[in-house]
């Protein structure tokens, strides 16, 4: 995750030489640090508590992905058996952008950009778990409004699994 690069940058005291040696764009990291400072100031202005989980916690990345999904729940793509991705809801065929640094092809991704060139690409992607879609944005993933596709069938299974877990939880009480 890019957040690892940011943490390493901060641990190295924002050293330009470290960025150069690691082929990192220092300007982009400075921009990220500025955005973080701006958000912290906004939170302080509204008396919101700034809290951060321990970087070594098991839930650290889970919580980051959940927060990202809460903001990008409408920008999800599903990997199809044919090898490409389909954007969820509007069924657009897309491919991971060549600049993606994922070392695998995840089943579900959220994306920041939809790039139209000779092929349709999604850029700045994050691997997510399908279960999180029905957990975080069930209002959006109303299957009655879905086109018939592989993603819909996967989501139907996830909803059934979620309902079974709820039923099991109720029966234990």
C-alpha atoms as a PDB file:
ATOM      1  CA  UNK A   1       0.000   0.000   0.000  1.00  0.00           C
ATOM      2  CA  UNK A   2       1.126   3.527  -0.679  1.00  0.00           C
ATOM      3  CA  UNK A   3       0.667   4.315   2.997  1.00  0.00           C
ATOM      4  CA  UNK A   4       3.785   2.198   3.657  1.00  0.00           C
ATOM      5  CA  UNK A   5       5.780   4.499   1.395  1.00  0.00           C
ATOM      6  CA  UNK A   6       4.418   7.521   3.268  1.00  0.00           C
ATOM      7  CA  UNK A   7       5.379   6.017   6.651  1.00  0.00           C
ATOM      8  CA  UNK A   8       8.872   5.199   5.391  1.00  0.00           C
ATOM      9  CA  UNK A   9       9.211   8.771   4.099  1.00  0.00           C
ATOM     10  CA  UNK A  10       8.238  10.163   7.515  1.00  0.00           C
ATOM     11  CA  UNK A  11      10.549   7.708   9.322  1.00  0.00           C
ATOM     12  CA  UNK A  12      13.395   9.006   7.151  1.00  0.00           C
ATOM     13  CA  UNK A  13      12.641  12.609   8.181  1.00  0.00           C
ATOM     14  CA  UNK A  14      11.279  13.473   4.715  1.00  0.00           C
ATOM     15  CA  UNK A  15      14.810  13.174   3.342  1.00  0.00           C
ATOM     16  CA  UNK A  16      15.066  14.122  -0.372  1.00  0.00           C
ATOM     17  CA  UNK A  17      18.079  11.818  -0.764  1.00  0.00           C
ATOM     18  CA  UNK A  18      16.050   8.868   0.558  1.00  0.00           C
ATOM     19  CA  UNK A  19      13.362   9.650  -2.030  1.00  0.00           C
ATOM     20  CA  UNK A  20      15.952   9.822  -4.798  1.00  0.00           C
ATOM     21  CA  UNK A  21      17.590   6.534  -3.758  1.00  0.00           C
ATOM     22  CA  UNK A  22      14.218   4.779  -3.620  1.00  0.00           C
ATOM     23  CA  UNK A  23      12.807   6.282  -6.830  1.00  0.00           C
ATOM     24  CA  UNK A  24      10.072   8.072  -4.891  1.00  0.00           C
ATOM     25  CA  UNK A  25       8.480  11.341  -5.997  1.00  0.00           C
ATOM     26  CA  UNK A  26       9.158  13.650  -3.049  1.00  0.00           C
ATOM     27  CA  UNK A  27       6.742  16.295  -4.327  1.00  0.00           C
ATOM     28  CA  UNK A  28       3.865  13.790  -4.210  1.00  0.00           C
ATOM     29  CA  UNK A  29       4.761  12.782  -0.653  1.00  0.00           C
ATOM     30  CA  UNK A  30       5.013  16.424   0.441  1.00  0.00           C
ATOM     31  CA  UNK A  31       1.576  16.971  -1.050  1.00  0.00           C
ATOM     32  CA  UNK A  32       0.209  13.990   0.915  1.00  0.00           C
ATOM     33  CA  UNK A  33       1.743  15.380   4.118  1.00  0.00           C
ATOM     34  CA  UNK A  34       0.137  18.774   3.420  1.00  0.00           C
ATOM     35  CA  UNK A  35      -3.277  17.192   2.858  1.00  0.00           C
ATOM     36  CA  UNK A  36      -2.904  15.277   6.121  1.00  0.00           C
ATOM     37  CA  UNK A  37      -2.041  18.510   7.964  1.00  0.00           C
ATOM     38  CA  UNK A  38      -5.033  20.285   6.406  1.00  0.00           C
ATOM     39  CA  UNK A  39      -7.367  17.488   7.483  1.00  0.00           C
ATOM     40  CA  UNK A  40      -5.919  17.583  11.011  1.00  0.00           C
ATOM     41  CA  UNK A  41      -6.553  21.363  11.177  1.00  0.00           C
ATOM     42  CA  UNK A  42     -10.137  20.912   9.954  1.00  0.00           C
ATOM     43  CA  UNK A  43     -10.736  18.234  12.575  1.00  0.00           C
ATOM     44  CA  UNK A  44      -9.283  20.497  15.284  1.00  0.00           C
ATOM     45  CA  UNK A  45     -11.509  23.363  14.153  1.00  0.00           C
ATOM     46  CA  UNK A  46     -14.586  21.164  14.609  1.00  0.00           C
ATOM     47  CA  UNK A  47     -13.295  19.670  17.882  1.00  0.00           C
ATOM     48  CA  UNK A  48     -13.054  16.214  16.358  1.00  0.00           C
ATOM     49  CA  UNK A  49     -10.636  13.851  18.018  1.00  0.00           C
ATOM     50  CA  UNK A  50      -7.713  12.884  15.814  1.00  0.00           C
ATOM     51  CA  UNK A  51      -7.019   9.235  16.455  1.00  0.00           C
ATOM     52  CA  UNK A  52      -4.750   6.819  14.738  1.00  0.00           C
ATOM     53  CA  UNK A  53      -4.374   3.103  15.130  1.00  0.00           C
ATOM     54  CA  UNK A  54      -0.981   1.591  15.857  1.00  0.00           C
ATOM     55  CA  UNK A  55       0.817   1.022  12.557  1.00  0.00           C
ATOM     56  CA  UNK A  56       1.604  -2.561  13.641  1.00  0.00           C
ATOM     57  CA  UNK A  57      -1.991  -3.460  14.525  1.00  0.00           C
ATOM     58  CA  UNK A  58      -3.645  -6.302  12.599  1.00  0.00           C
ATOM     59  CA  UNK A  59      -6.617  -4.027  11.888  1.00  0.00           C
ATOM     60  CA  UNK A  60      -4.567  -1.104  10.569  1.00  0.00           C
ATOM     61  CA  UNK A  61      -4.918  -1.937   6.868  1.00  0.00           C
ATOM     62  CA  UNK A  62      -8.410  -3.393   7.293  1.00  0.00           C
ATOM     63  CA  UNK A  63      -9.625  -0.076   8.696  1.00  0.00           C
ATOM     64  CA  UNK A  64      -7.901   1.931   5.961  1.00  0.00           C
ATOM     65  CA  UNK A  65      -9.560  -0.211   3.296  1.00  0.00           C
ATOM     66  CA  UNK A  66     -12.941   0.135   5.017  1.00  0.00           C
ATOM     67  CA  UNK A  67     -12.580   3.921   5.090  1.00  0.00           C
ATOM     68  CA  UNK A  68     -11.558   3.989   1.436  1.00  0.00           C
ATOM     69  CA  UNK A  69     -14.480   1.776   0.461  1.00  0.00           C
ATOM     70  CA  UNK A  70     -16.896   4.007   2.385  1.00  0.00           C
ATOM     71  CA  UNK A  71     -15.795   6.866   0.121  1.00  0.00           C
ATOM     72  CA  UNK A  72     -15.370   4.953  -3.134  1.00  0.00           C
ATOM     73  CA  UNK A  73     -18.217   2.414  -2.893  1.00  0.00           C
ATOM     74  CA  UNK A  74     -19.541   3.545  -6.296  1.00  0.00           C
ATOM     75  CA  UNK A  75     -16.161   2.985  -7.974  1.00  0.00           C
ATOM     76  CA  UNK A  76     -15.813  -0.775  -7.759  1.00  0.00           C
ATOM     77  CA  UNK A  77     -14.750  -3.267 -10.408  1.00  0.00           C
ATOM     78  CA  UNK A  78     -14.955  -7.055 -10.384  1.00  0.00           C
ATOM     79  CA  UNK A  79     -12.516  -9.434 -12.078  1.00  0.00           C
ATOM     80  CA  UNK A  80     -14.330 -11.613 -14.590  1.00  0.00           C
ATOM     81  CA  UNK A  81     -13.354 -15.121 -15.678  1.00  0.00           C
ATOM     82  CA  UNK A  82     -12.578 -13.719 -19.122  1.00  0.00           C
ATOM     83  CA  UNK A  83      -9.562 -11.874 -17.685  1.00  0.00           C
ATOM     84  CA  UNK A  84     -10.819  -8.294 -17.661  1.00  0.00           C
ATOM     85  CA  UNK A  85     -12.678  -6.287 -15.044  1.00  0.00           C
ATOM     86  CA  UNK A  86     -16.248  -5.012 -15.203  1.00  0.00           C
ATOM     87  CA  UNK A  87     -17.231  -1.887 -13.349  1.00  0.00           C
ATOM     88  CA  UNK A  88     -20.019  -2.722 -10.955  1.00  0.00           C
ATOM     89  CA  UNK A  89     -23.467  -1.361 -11.804  1.00  0.00           C
ATOM     90  CA  UNK A  90     -22.677   0.019 -15.282  1.00  0.00           C
ATOM     91  CA  UNK A  91     -20.837  -3.062 -16.638  1.00  0.00           C
ATOM     92  CA  UNK A  92     -18.003  -1.232 -18.403  1.00  0.00           C
ATOM     93  CA  UNK A  93     -15.105  -3.442 -19.472  1.00  0.00           C
ATOM     94  CA  UNK A  94     -11.879  -2.101 -17.957  1.00  0.00           C
ATOM     95  CA  UNK A  95      -8.306  -3.202 -17.338  1.00  0.00           C
ATOM     96  CA  UNK A  96      -5.879  -2.391 -14.563  1.00  0.00           C
ATOM     97  CA  UNK A  97      -3.675   0.481 -15.678  1.00  0.00           C
ATOM     98  CA  UNK A  98      -0.086  -0.570 -16.514  1.00  0.00           C
ATOM     99  CA  UNK A  99       1.171   1.731 -13.739  1.00  0.00           C
ATOM    100  CA  UNK A 100      -0.643  -0.373 -11.123  1.00  0.00           C
ATOM    101  CA  UNK A 101       1.733  -1.789  -8.536  1.00  0.00           C
ATOM    102  CA  UNK A 102      -0.502  -4.674  -7.437  1.00  0.00           C
ATOM    103  CA  UNK A 103       1.388  -7.958  -7.480  1.00  0.00           C
ATOM    104  CA  UNK A 104      -1.775  -9.966  -8.148  1.00  0.00           C
ATOM    105  CA  UNK A 105      -5.142  -9.586  -9.836  1.00  0.00           C
ATOM    106  CA  UNK A 106      -7.682  -9.207  -7.027  1.00  0.00           C
ATOM    107  CA  UNK A 107     -11.301 -10.265  -7.429  1.00  0.00           C
ATOM    108  CA  UNK A 108     -12.627  -6.848  -6.296  1.00  0.00           C
ATOM    109  CA  UNK A 109     -10.997  -3.416  -6.478  1.00  0.00           C
ATOM    110  CA  UNK A 110     -11.949   0.164  -5.807  1.00  0.00           C
ATOM    111  CA  UNK A 111     -10.453   2.708  -8.163  1.00  0.00           C
ATOM    112  CA  UNK A 112      -9.786   6.416  -8.161  1.00  0.00           C
ATOM    113  CA  UNK A 113      -9.607   7.099 -11.895  1.00  0.00           C
ATOM    114  CA  UNK A 114     -11.252   5.796 -15.042  1.00  0.00           C
ATOM    115  CA  UNK A 115      -8.817   6.440 -17.908  1.00  0.00           C
ATOM    116  CA  UNK A 116     -10.064   6.370 -21.492  1.00  0.00           C
ATOM    117  CA  UNK A 117      -7.397   5.633 -24.101  1.00  0.00           C
ATOM    118  CA  UNK A 118      -7.404   2.967 -26.792  1.00  0.00           C
ATOM    119  CA  UNK A 119      -8.557   0.700 -23.920  1.00  0.00           C
ATOM    120  CA  UNK A 120     -10.492   1.574 -20.785  1.00  0.00           C
ATOM    121  CA  UNK A 121      -8.279   1.521 -17.703  1.00  0.00           C
ATOM    122  CA  UNK A 122      -8.816   1.988 -13.996  1.00  0.00           C
ATOM    123  CA  UNK A 123      -5.950   3.610 -12.144  1.00  0.00           C
ATOM    124  CA  UNK A 124      -4.965   3.969  -8.490  1.00  0.00           C
ATOM    125  CA  UNK A 125      -6.678   0.779  -7.394  1.00  0.00           C
ATOM    126  CA  UNK A 126      -6.967  -0.926  -4.022  1.00  0.00           C
ATOM    127  CA  UNK A 127      -7.743  -4.567  -3.392  1.00  0.00           C
ATOM    128  CA  UNK A 128     -10.908  -5.022  -1.309  1.00  0.00           C
ATOM    129  CA  UNK A 129     -12.911  -7.955   0.024  1.00  0.00           C
ATOM    130  CA  UNK A 130     -16.340  -8.483  -1.502  1.00  0.00           C
ATOM    131  CA  UNK A 131     -17.858  -8.981   1.959  1.00  0.00           C
ATOM    132  CA  UNK A 132     -17.083  -5.347   2.722  1.00  0.00           C
ATOM    133  CA  UNK A 133     -19.353  -4.153  -0.113  1.00  0.00           C
ATOM    134  CA  UNK A 134     -22.466  -5.593   1.495  1.00  0.00           C
ATOM    135  CA  UNK A 135     -21.263  -4.535   4.942  1.00  0.00           C
ATOM    136  CA  UNK A 136     -20.405  -0.907   4.163  1.00  0.00           C
ATOM    137  CA  UNK A 137     -22.764   0.022   1.314  1.00  0.00           C
ATOM    138  CA  UNK A 138     -25.757  -2.355   1.266  1.00  0.00           C
ATOM    139  CA  UNK A 139     -27.978   0.535   0.125  1.00  0.00           C
ATOM    140  CA  UNK A 140     -25.946   0.850  -3.072  1.00  0.00           C
ATOM    141  CA  UNK A 141     -25.584  -2.868  -3.703  1.00  0.00           C
ATOM    142  CA  UNK A 142     -29.330  -3.499  -3.976  1.00  0.00           C
ATOM    143  CA  UNK A 143     -29.306  -6.487  -6.313  1.00  0.00           C
ATOM    144  CA  UNK A 144     -32.727  -5.745  -7.791  1.00  0.00           C
ATOM    145  CA  UNK A 145     -31.078  -2.856  -9.681  1.00  0.00           C
ATOM    146  CA  UNK A 146     -28.077  -4.861 -10.870  1.00  0.00           C
ATOM    147  CA  UNK A 147     -27.372  -6.033 -14.397  1.00  0.00           C
ATOM    148  CA  UNK A 148     -27.091  -9.795 -14.735  1.00  0.00           C
ATOM    149  CA  UNK A 149     -23.358 -10.463 -14.480  1.00  0.00           C
ATOM    150  CA  UNK A 150     -20.767 -12.445 -12.566  1.00  0.00           C
ATOM    151  CA  UNK A 151     -20.457  -9.690  -9.933  1.00  0.00           C
ATOM    152  CA  UNK A 152     -24.191  -9.923  -9.197  1.00  0.00           C
ATOM    153  CA  UNK A 153     -23.938 -13.677  -8.667  1.00  0.00           C
ATOM    154  CA  UNK A 154     -20.960 -13.185  -6.326  1.00  0.00           C
ATOM    155  CA  UNK A 155     -22.827 -10.493  -4.388  1.00  0.00           C
ATOM    156  CA  UNK A 156     -25.896 -12.756  -4.077  1.00  0.00           C
ATOM    157  CA  UNK A 157     -23.664 -15.382  -2.432  1.00  0.00           C
ATOM    158  CA  UNK A 158     -22.185 -12.743  -0.119  1.00  0.00           C
ATOM    159  CA  UNK A 159     -25.643 -11.546   0.933  1.00  0.00           C
ATOM    160  CA  UNK A 160     -26.725 -15.137   1.642  1.00  0.00           C
ATOM    161  CA  UNK A 161     -23.570 -15.731   3.674  1.00  0.00           C
ATOM    162  CA  UNK A 162     -24.228 -12.535   5.641  1.00  0.00           C
ATOM    163  CA  UNK A 163     -27.851 -13.531   6.325  1.00  0.00           C
ATOM    164  CA  UNK A 164     -26.794 -17.018   7.437  1.00  0.00           C
ATOM    165  CA  UNK A 165     -24.280 -15.479   9.854  1.00  0.00           C
ATOM    166  CA  UNK A 166     -26.997 -13.183  11.258  1.00  0.00           C
ATOM    167  CA  UNK A 167     -29.411 -16.113  11.656  1.00  0.00           C
ATOM    168  CA  UNK A 168     -26.731 -18.165  13.386  1.00  0.00           C
ATOM    169  CA  UNK A 169     -25.955 -15.265  15.709  1.00  0.00           C
ATOM    170  CA  UNK A 170     -29.645 -14.859  16.618  1.00  0.00           C
ATOM    171  CA  UNK A 171     -30.091 -18.571  17.312  1.00  0.00           C
ATOM    172  CA  UNK A 172     -27.171 -18.529  19.788  1.00  0.00           C
ATOM    173  CA  UNK A 173     -28.845 -15.838  21.901  1.00  0.00           C
END
